[in-house]
Every structure is written in structure tokens, then in C-alpha cells.
Amino acid sequence: MKTMIYKGYELSDKTIQKHIKEVFHKGGLVVFPTETVYGIGADATNPEAVKSIFKAKGRPSDNPLIVHISKVEDLALYARDIPEIAKSLMDKFWPGPLTLLFNKNEIIPKEVTGGLNTVGIRIPGLKIARDIIDISGLPICAPSANLSGKPSSTIFDHVASDFEERVDIIIDGGKTEIGLESTVLDITQPIPVMLRPGAVTKNMIERVLGYKIIDASETRIEDIPKSPGMKYAHYAPKGKMTLVDGEEKEVVEFINNEIKKHKRVRTAVIGVEEYLSQIDAEYKANLGHLNDLNEIASNIFIALRQMDQLGIEHIYMHTLPNTDLGQAIMNRLSKAASYNLVKLK
């Protein structure tokens, strides 16, 4: 399959718009950026198009997909029994990195939802993404644009590496702003349940609602998951990754000792500047500074991809504060490390 590549600023071109619309309506695949990560999109009402996403990604078909729309007015076309709290959350966080889980309308096929009667829906914050949805005239299901199990893509080069010749179109929108997938909140329950943490944090949601919600984001799922990222191995580099938790001095000492043990194999450290400056490793991936979680979040998947590009066999990283945006970062890192954690305290 020949993949056409367009720049985000070219979307005003009528010929390109026509091509994008035709691809979606024929059941094809378009990879495009959002403010969170790149997504691989298809017509959410076309079961065969949805199946082609799973085929392209190598993704298990019981893992649900998120549906992207461009206008709040379209929500009722795809969701039913919309609760009162939805309006407050949408007013505050849409467009943006919050996916809300609703009971679905029949127009959304079971292929999108992993056989469930619920569907996750959001309006992306990035205008390019909303423009693509508007051009298509369709609801677009778009999981993260990465081969299943690999780190999500936040830059064009990683998308092209995974999907050139696998999809019809790739839209190059540069580096994504947030770098972590959206928060997923189940509002079909009497008390909302956070299924996946993201840039919209638990505290932010609770401030809008005025009461506590349930956090199920670290639950290990053995049955059909209600949200992407809950059941299968996610974000994992090829090398063995170990998270190290403890006081800074102890963590640095532990990682330096581990590097000496593994001196005959490629070993790398992912971390913030404050830690990396004390660690003697040939390969380091700098995520930024400890006081800038936004910068760290935007660099996580790039660093994990870099580990594979370098052929790293052992990867070490210190933990981060597990609150607010730090919770979303640690959620992804824990999955990338297959929950391999060394506690020094």
C-alpha cells in the first residue's frame, strides 16, 4: 500500500481534503496528530474499517477504541443516557484530553467497543484533529498510532516508522503537545470511575464535580477491558526496564552499581536532569527537569522509542511523584516496565 503524507498546514487544500474524505468513506486508515499522541483513524460506524485498525496495529480485538468527534452537538448521535455531570465535565475539559465513557447508541458497532455496550468519546484539543474529523463528516475511532505493545508515537518519524505502507494517509503535525494518552472517565456508574489517568487529573475532575471519584487506573484486568491500556502490555521497549524507588542518593547509587554489573551489555538510564547528572552511563535519555512534569510527560514515549533504536538491553529509571500528572506518567512507566519495581525504602 502506498502511503500519502501531508503536512498539517496543508489541510486547507481542497484536493487533500477530498482525498482524506474519500479514504475514510471507503473504509481506509488515516494517521493524524492530536494534542495527546498520534492516532490511527477510521470510520467508527464501519465495522470493516475498524477491523483494519486492529490488523494494522496487531492489536487484540477485545481492546476498545475511543471515538473522536468535533462538536458537542454530535454526542447524542453516538451516546445515550447522557448523565447530568457530563455537561460540567465537557464544559470544562472539551475540547481536550478527557475521554468520557457513555452507554453507546446502535450506530457504534461492537468492533469499536470490544463487545461492550459502552463507548469512550472525546473532542480532541488539537485543531488539526478536529479539522480532519470535520473533513471526514464521520465519527473517527482512533487508538494511538503505534504497533500494539510498543510505545505510543508522539513525533512524525515514529509514526512513519510504524505505519508507512500500512495506512492510506499520514498527517505530519510535528511533536504532540502532551505526549500521554487522554484520561478515561467512566460516567455510566453512580460514582465516576477513572480508568486511565492523563493530563486531566483526578484532582481536576473532583474539583469540577465537587466530590471524590473512584480510581481504577491500576486495576489488572483479566476480562474484557472498558478502556484502552487496561489489559495488555503497553508502551514496552524491547529491553528489560526496571523502575527504582527510593531517596535520590540511594537510587543514584543503586543505578550506578547496576550499570557496572551490566557493563558488557547495552545499558541505559531514562530520567530527569537532576538524577542523570549523577549517573555514569554511556546511554542516557533526558526527560527534562524534575519540576516540569509537562516536559517529562511529553518526552516519555520518545525516550522509550530511543531505547529500541539504540538496542538497549537493560533500562533503569527512577520513580516520580505519583500525584496529579505524575500519576499518569507513572502509570505508563509501570506498564512499560511490566511493573518491575525495586524499592529501596
Protein backbone atom coordinates (compact mmCIF):
# COMPACT_ATOMS: atom_id res chain seq x y z
CA MET A 1 0.00 0.00 0.00
CA LYS A 2 1.35 3.44 -0.91
CA THR A 3 1.00 5.94 1.91
CA MET A 4 0.41 9.61 1.12
CA ILE A 5 2.00 12.03 3.58
CA TYR A 6 0.58 15.52 4.11
CA LYS A 7 1.66 18.32 6.41
CA GLY A 8 -0.86 19.64 8.92
CA TYR A 9 -0.79 23.10 7.35
CA GLU A 10 -1.88 21.60 4.00
CA LEU A 11 -5.34 20.63 5.26
CA SER A 12 -6.91 23.74 3.73
CA ASP A 13 -6.10 22.34 0.27
CA LYS A 14 -9.38 21.18 -1.31
CA THR A 15 -7.73 18.32 -3.20
CA ILE A 16 -6.18 16.97 0.00
CA GLN A 17 -9.49 17.36 1.83
CA LYS A 18 -11.22 15.37 -0.90
CA HIS A 19 -8.64 12.60 -0.65
CA ILE A 20 -8.94 12.38 3.15
CA LYS A 21 -12.74 12.22 2.95
CA GLU A 22 -12.65 9.54 0.25
CA VAL A 23 -10.23 7.39 2.26
CA PHE A 24 -12.41 7.49 5.37
CA HIS A 25 -15.62 6.80 3.42
CA LYS A 26 -14.01 3.84 1.62
CA GLY A 27 -13.01 2.28 4.94
CA GLY A 28 -9.35 3.34 4.81
CA LEU A 29 -6.95 4.46 7.54
CA VAL A 30 -5.58 7.93 8.29
CA VAL A 31 -2.91 8.57 10.91
CA PHE A 32 -3.13 12.07 12.39
CA PRO A 33 -1.86 14.04 15.40
CA THR A 34 -3.87 15.02 18.44
CA GLU A 35 -2.70 17.03 21.43
CA THR A 36 -2.05 13.77 23.30
CA VAL A 37 -0.42 11.29 20.86
CA TYR A 38 -0.82 10.41 17.19
CA GLY A 39 -3.90 8.33 16.39
CA ILE A 40 -4.70 5.82 13.64
CA GLY A 41 -8.20 6.73 12.49
CA ALA A 42 -11.08 5.02 10.72
CA ASP A 43 -14.83 5.48 10.29
CA ALA A 44 -16.24 4.48 13.70
CA THR A 45 -19.53 3.37 12.10
CA ASN A 46 -17.89 0.93 9.66
CA PRO A 47 -17.09 -2.47 11.25
CA GLU A 48 -14.71 -3.48 8.45
CA ALA A 49 -12.78 -0.22 8.70
CA VAL A 50 -12.48 -0.73 12.46
CA LYS A 51 -11.16 -4.25 11.94
CA SER A 52 -8.48 -2.84 9.66
CA ILE A 53 -7.16 -0.76 12.58
CA PHE A 54 -6.66 -3.90 14.66
CA LYS A 55 -4.94 -5.57 11.71
CA ALA A 56 -2.60 -2.62 11.10
CA LYS A 57 -1.68 -2.33 14.77
CA GLY A 58 -1.58 -6.04 15.54
CA ARG A 59 -3.95 -5.20 18.38
CA PRO A 60 -6.30 -7.66 20.17
CA SER A 61 -9.88 -7.01 19.06
CA ASP A 62 -11.32 -7.02 22.61
CA ASN A 63 -9.40 -3.82 23.40
CA PRO A 64 -11.90 -0.94 22.98
CA LEU A 65 -11.25 2.12 20.83
CA ILE A 66 -12.02 5.77 21.55
CA VAL A 67 -14.37 7.67 19.24
CA HIS A 68 -13.38 11.23 18.33
CA ILE A 69 -15.93 13.87 17.40
CA SER A 70 -15.53 17.58 16.67
CA LYS A 71 -18.72 19.07 18.15
CA VAL A 72 -20.58 18.53 21.42
CA GLU A 73 -23.84 18.59 19.45
CA ASP A 74 -22.84 15.30 17.80
CA LEU A 75 -22.52 13.43 21.10
CA ALA A 76 -26.18 12.36 21.20
CA LEU A 77 -25.76 10.64 17.83
CA TYR A 78 -23.39 8.10 19.35
CA ALA A 79 -24.17 8.03 23.10
CA ARG A 80 -27.36 7.56 25.09
CA ASP A 81 -28.41 8.06 28.71
CA ILE A 82 -26.06 11.04 28.94
CA PRO A 83 -25.85 11.94 32.66
CA GLU A 84 -26.11 15.47 34.04
CA ILE A 85 -22.48 15.52 35.16
CA ALA A 86 -21.35 15.13 31.56
CA LYS A 87 -22.19 18.77 30.80
CA SER A 88 -20.00 20.12 33.60
CA LEU A 89 -17.08 17.93 32.52
CA MET A 90 -17.48 18.76 28.83
CA ASP A 91 -17.77 22.49 29.55
CA LYS A 92 -14.51 22.39 31.48
CA PHE A 93 -12.39 19.86 29.56
CA TRP A 94 -13.68 19.64 25.97
CA PRO A 95 -12.03 20.10 23.57
CA GLY A 96 -9.21 18.40 25.41
CA PRO A 97 -7.56 15.24 26.74
CA LEU A 98 -10.56 13.77 28.58
CA THR A 99 -12.42 10.72 27.25
CA LEU A 100 -15.84 10.09 28.77
CA LEU A 101 -17.38 6.63 28.80
CA PHE A 102 -21.09 6.53 27.86
CA ASN A 103 -23.69 3.89 27.02
CA LYS A 104 -23.49 3.61 23.24
CA ASN A 105 -26.07 4.04 20.52
CA GLU A 106 -26.55 1.24 17.98
CA ILE A 107 -24.73 3.20 15.27
CA ILE A 108 -21.44 2.37 17.04
CA PRO A 109 -20.60 -1.27 16.21
CA LYS A 110 -19.30 -3.80 18.72
CA GLU A 111 -15.96 -3.82 16.89
CA VAL A 112 -15.28 -0.35 18.35
CA THR A 113 -16.18 -1.24 21.91
CA GLY A 114 -14.66 -4.70 22.30
CA GLY A 115 -18.17 -6.15 22.57
CA LEU A 116 -19.24 -3.81 25.38
CA ASN A 117 -22.32 -1.59 25.46
CA THR A 118 -20.25 1.42 26.45
CA VAL A 119 -18.13 3.71 24.28
CA GLY A 120 -15.41 6.24 25.08
CA ILE A 121 -15.83 9.59 23.32
CA ARG A 122 -13.81 12.80 23.29
CA ILE A 123 -13.28 16.00 21.32
CA PRO A 124 -9.54 16.43 20.71
CA GLY A 125 -7.93 19.69 21.72
CA LEU A 126 -5.74 20.00 18.62
CA LYS A 127 -7.40 21.92 15.79
CA ILE A 128 -5.76 19.73 13.13
CA ALA A 129 -7.50 16.70 14.63
CA ARG A 130 -10.89 18.44 14.72
CA ASP A 131 -10.39 19.64 11.14
CA ILE A 132 -9.79 16.07 9.98
CA ILE A 133 -12.97 14.90 11.73
CA ASP A 134 -14.90 17.75 10.09
CA ILE A 135 -13.43 16.90 6.67
CA SER A 136 -14.49 13.27 7.07
CA GLY A 137 -18.03 14.10 8.18
CA LEU A 138 -17.80 10.98 10.39
CA PRO A 139 -17.07 9.96 13.96
CA ILE A 140 -13.48 8.71 13.92
CA CYS A 141 -12.21 5.93 16.17
CA ALA A 142 -8.50 6.46 16.64
CA PRO A 143 -6.34 4.48 19.05
CA SER A 144 -2.73 5.52 19.50
CA ALA A 145 -0.71 5.14 16.29
CA ASN A 146 1.80 2.52 17.37
CA LEU A 147 2.20 -1.18 16.72
CA SER A 148 0.46 -2.95 19.59
CA GLY A 149 2.60 -3.15 22.71
CA LYS A 150 5.16 -0.59 21.51
CA PRO A 151 5.45 2.92 22.98
CA SER A 152 2.90 5.36 21.59
CA SER A 153 4.00 7.79 18.88
CA THR A 154 4.40 11.47 19.71
CA ILE A 155 6.53 12.53 16.72
CA PHE A 156 6.10 12.01 12.98
CA ASP A 157 9.25 9.89 12.48
CA HIS A 158 7.94 7.23 14.88
CA VAL A 159 4.55 7.16 13.16
CA ALA A 160 6.15 6.80 9.75
CA SER A 161 8.41 4.03 11.03
CA ASP A 162 5.42 2.00 12.23
CA PHE A 163 2.81 2.73 9.57
CA GLU A 164 4.25 3.85 6.24
CA GLU A 165 2.92 1.37 3.67
CA ARG A 166 0.36 0.13 6.25
CA VAL A 167 -2.13 3.03 6.04
CA ASP A 168 -3.53 5.28 3.31
CA ILE A 169 -2.57 8.69 4.70
CA ILE A 170 -0.30 10.09 7.42
CA ILE A 171 -0.68 13.71 8.55
CA ASP A 172 2.58 15.21 9.84
CA GLY A 173 1.76 17.56 12.72
CA GLY A 174 5.18 17.64 14.39
CA LYS A 175 5.61 16.72 18.05
CA THR A 176 2.43 16.33 20.10
CA GLU A 177 1.96 18.76 22.96
CA ILE A 178 1.02 16.49 25.88
CA GLY A 179 2.65 13.20 24.96
CA LEU A 180 0.38 10.93 27.04
CA GLU A 181 -2.97 9.46 26.00
CA SER A 182 -6.18 11.02 27.31
CA THR A 183 -7.69 10.48 30.73
CA VAL A 184 -10.58 7.98 30.54
CA LEU A 185 -13.51 8.50 32.94
CA ASP A 186 -16.47 6.11 33.19
CA ILE A 187 -19.57 8.20 33.93
CA THR A 188 -22.05 5.34 33.46
CA GLN A 189 -21.61 4.47 37.15
CA PRO A 190 -23.31 6.23 40.12
CA ILE A 191 -19.83 7.45 41.13
CA PRO A 192 -17.49 8.15 38.18
CA VAL A 193 -14.53 5.78 37.80
CA MET A 194 -11.17 6.85 36.36
CA LEU A 195 -9.98 4.01 34.11
CA ARG A 196 -6.84 5.67 32.77
CA PRO A 197 -5.00 8.73 34.14
CA GLY A 198 -3.87 11.51 31.84
CA ALA A 199 -3.34 15.25 31.67
CA VAL A 200 -6.82 15.82 33.13
CA THR A 201 -6.04 14.61 36.64
CA LYS A 202 -8.20 13.05 39.33
CA ASN A 203 -7.98 16.24 41.39
CA MET A 204 -9.06 18.38 38.43
CA ILE A 205 -12.12 16.18 37.85
CA GLU A 206 -13.04 16.17 41.54
CA ARG A 207 -12.84 19.97 41.71
CA VAL A 208 -15.39 20.22 38.88
CA LEU A 209 -17.74 17.58 40.31
CA GLY A 210 -17.39 18.65 43.94
CA TYR A 211 -16.92 15.09 45.23
CA LYS A 212 -14.45 12.18 45.17
CA ILE A 213 -14.31 9.76 42.26
CA ILE A 214 -13.05 6.15 42.15
CA ASP A 215 -9.58 5.47 40.75
CA ALA A 216 -9.39 2.09 38.99
CA SER A 217 -6.48 3.01 36.72
CA GLU A 218 -4.07 0.48 38.24
CA THR A 219 -6.53 -2.42 38.23
CA ARG A 220 -5.20 -5.52 36.46
CA ILE A 221 -7.90 -6.59 34.01
CA GLU A 222 -8.33 -10.27 33.11
CA ASP A 223 -11.69 -9.96 31.33
CA ILE A 224 -12.77 -7.51 28.61
CA PRO A 225 -11.32 -4.08 29.47
CA LYS A 226 -13.54 -0.98 29.46
CA SER A 227 -10.72 1.33 28.41
CA PRO A 228 -7.59 1.19 26.26
CA GLY A 229 -4.44 0.50 28.23
CA MET A 230 -6.03 -1.59 30.99
CA LYS A 231 -5.40 -5.20 29.99
CA TYR A 232 -2.48 -5.82 27.69
CA ALA A 233 1.21 -4.95 27.92
CA HIS A 234 1.57 -1.36 26.81
CA TYR A 235 4.30 1.10 25.97
CA ALA A 236 7.02 -1.53 26.41
CA PRO A 237 10.51 -1.17 24.94
CA LYS A 238 12.30 -4.36 23.87
CA GLY A 239 14.88 -4.17 26.66
CA LYS A 240 14.17 -5.12 30.27
CA MET A 241 13.07 -2.00 32.14
CA THR A 242 13.43 -1.52 35.90
CA LEU A 243 11.94 1.30 37.95
CA VAL A 244 13.83 2.24 41.10
CA ASP A 245 12.04 3.87 44.05
CA GLY A 246 13.78 5.49 46.98
CA GLU A 247 15.70 8.52 48.17
CA GLU A 248 17.63 10.27 45.40
CA LYS A 249 21.08 9.41 46.77
CA GLU A 250 20.19 5.72 47.20
CA VAL A 251 18.59 5.50 43.76
CA VAL A 252 21.63 7.05 42.07
CA GLU A 253 23.97 4.69 43.92
CA PHE A 254 21.84 1.64 43.05
CA ILE A 255 21.63 2.51 39.34
CA ASN A 256 25.38 3.23 39.13
CA ASN A 257 26.08 -0.19 40.67
CA GLU A 258 23.69 -1.88 38.22
CA ILE A 259 25.43 -0.21 35.28
CA LYS A 260 28.76 -1.66 36.46
CA LYS A 261 27.18 -5.13 36.69
CA HIS A 262 25.86 -4.90 33.12
CA LYS A 263 28.96 -3.30 31.56
CA ARG A 264 29.13 -6.00 28.86
CA VAL A 265 25.64 -5.30 27.53
CA ARG A 266 23.97 -2.12 26.39
CA THR A 267 22.50 -0.44 29.45
CA ALA A 268 20.75 2.92 29.58
CA VAL A 269 19.13 5.25 32.06
CA ILE A 270 16.00 7.32 31.50
CA GLY A 271 15.48 10.18 33.92
CA VAL A 272 15.45 13.84 34.77
CA GLU A 273 18.47 16.12 34.60
CA GLU A 274 18.88 16.19 38.39
CA TYR A 275 19.39 12.40 38.52
CA LEU A 276 21.21 11.88 35.24
CA SER A 277 23.94 14.36 36.15
CA GLN A 278 24.96 11.97 38.96
CA ILE A 279 24.78 8.75 36.93
CA ASP A 280 27.72 7.34 35.00
CA ALA A 281 26.10 5.74 31.94
CA GLU A 282 27.07 5.77 28.27
CA TYR A 283 23.44 5.98 27.19
CA LYS A 284 21.09 8.46 28.86
CA ALA A 285 17.68 9.79 27.86
CA ASN A 286 16.99 13.18 29.46
CA LEU A 287 13.30 13.83 30.11
CA GLY A 288 13.78 17.39 31.38
CA HIS A 289 13.74 18.84 34.87
CA LEU A 290 12.03 17.37 37.93
CA ASN A 291 9.87 20.46 38.47
CA ASP A 292 8.40 20.34 34.95
CA LEU A 293 6.09 17.32 34.71
CA ASN A 294 4.61 18.61 31.45
CA GLU A 295 8.01 18.45 29.78
CA ILE A 296 8.67 14.99 31.27
CA ALA A 297 5.31 13.68 30.03
CA SER A 298 5.92 14.96 26.50
CA ASN A 299 9.27 13.12 26.33
CA ILE A 300 8.41 9.73 27.87
CA PHE A 301 7.45 7.85 24.71
CA ILE A 302 10.28 9.43 22.70
CA ALA A 303 12.74 8.13 25.30
CA LEU A 304 11.24 4.63 25.27
CA ARG A 305 11.42 4.53 21.47
CA GLN A 306 15.05 5.68 21.64
CA MET A 307 15.88 2.64 23.77
CA ASP A 308 14.82 0.34 20.93
CA GLN A 309 16.68 2.39 18.33
CA LEU A 310 19.87 2.03 20.38
CA GLY A 311 19.36 -1.70 21.01
CA ILE A 312 19.36 -1.25 24.79
CA GLU A 313 19.04 -4.49 26.79
CA HIS A 314 18.72 -3.08 30.34
CA ILE A 315 16.90 0.18 31.12
CA TYR A 316 16.75 1.87 34.53
CA MET A 317 14.66 4.81 35.65
CA HIS A 318 13.89 6.45 38.98
CA THR A 319 10.26 6.86 40.01
CA LEU A 320 8.43 10.20 40.05
CA PRO A 321 5.84 11.61 42.49
CA ASN A 322 2.66 9.59 41.90
CA THR A 323 0.25 12.52 42.12
CA ASP A 324 -1.58 14.67 39.56
CA LEU A 325 0.19 14.46 36.18
CA GLY A 326 2.88 12.33 37.86
CA GLN A 327 0.25 9.61 38.31
CA ALA A 328 -0.33 9.44 34.54
CA ILE A 329 3.41 9.36 33.87
CA MET A 330 4.00 6.58 36.42
CA ASN A 331 1.02 4.64 35.04
CA ARG A 332 2.69 4.49 31.60
CA LEU A 333 6.15 3.78 33.03
CA SER A 334 4.86 0.97 35.25
CA LYS A 335 3.27 -0.72 32.25
CA ALA A 336 6.41 -0.15 30.15
CA ALA A 337 8.41 -1.88 32.89
CA SER A 338 5.83 -4.67 33.28
CA TYR A 339 5.53 -3.47 36.91
CA ASN A 340 9.18 -4.36 37.55
CA LEU A 341 9.92 -2.12 40.55
CA VAL A 342 12.84 -2.11 43.01
CA LYS A 343 12.00 -0.44 46.33
CA LEU A 344 14.96 0.92 48.28
CA LYS A 345 12.98 2.30 51.20
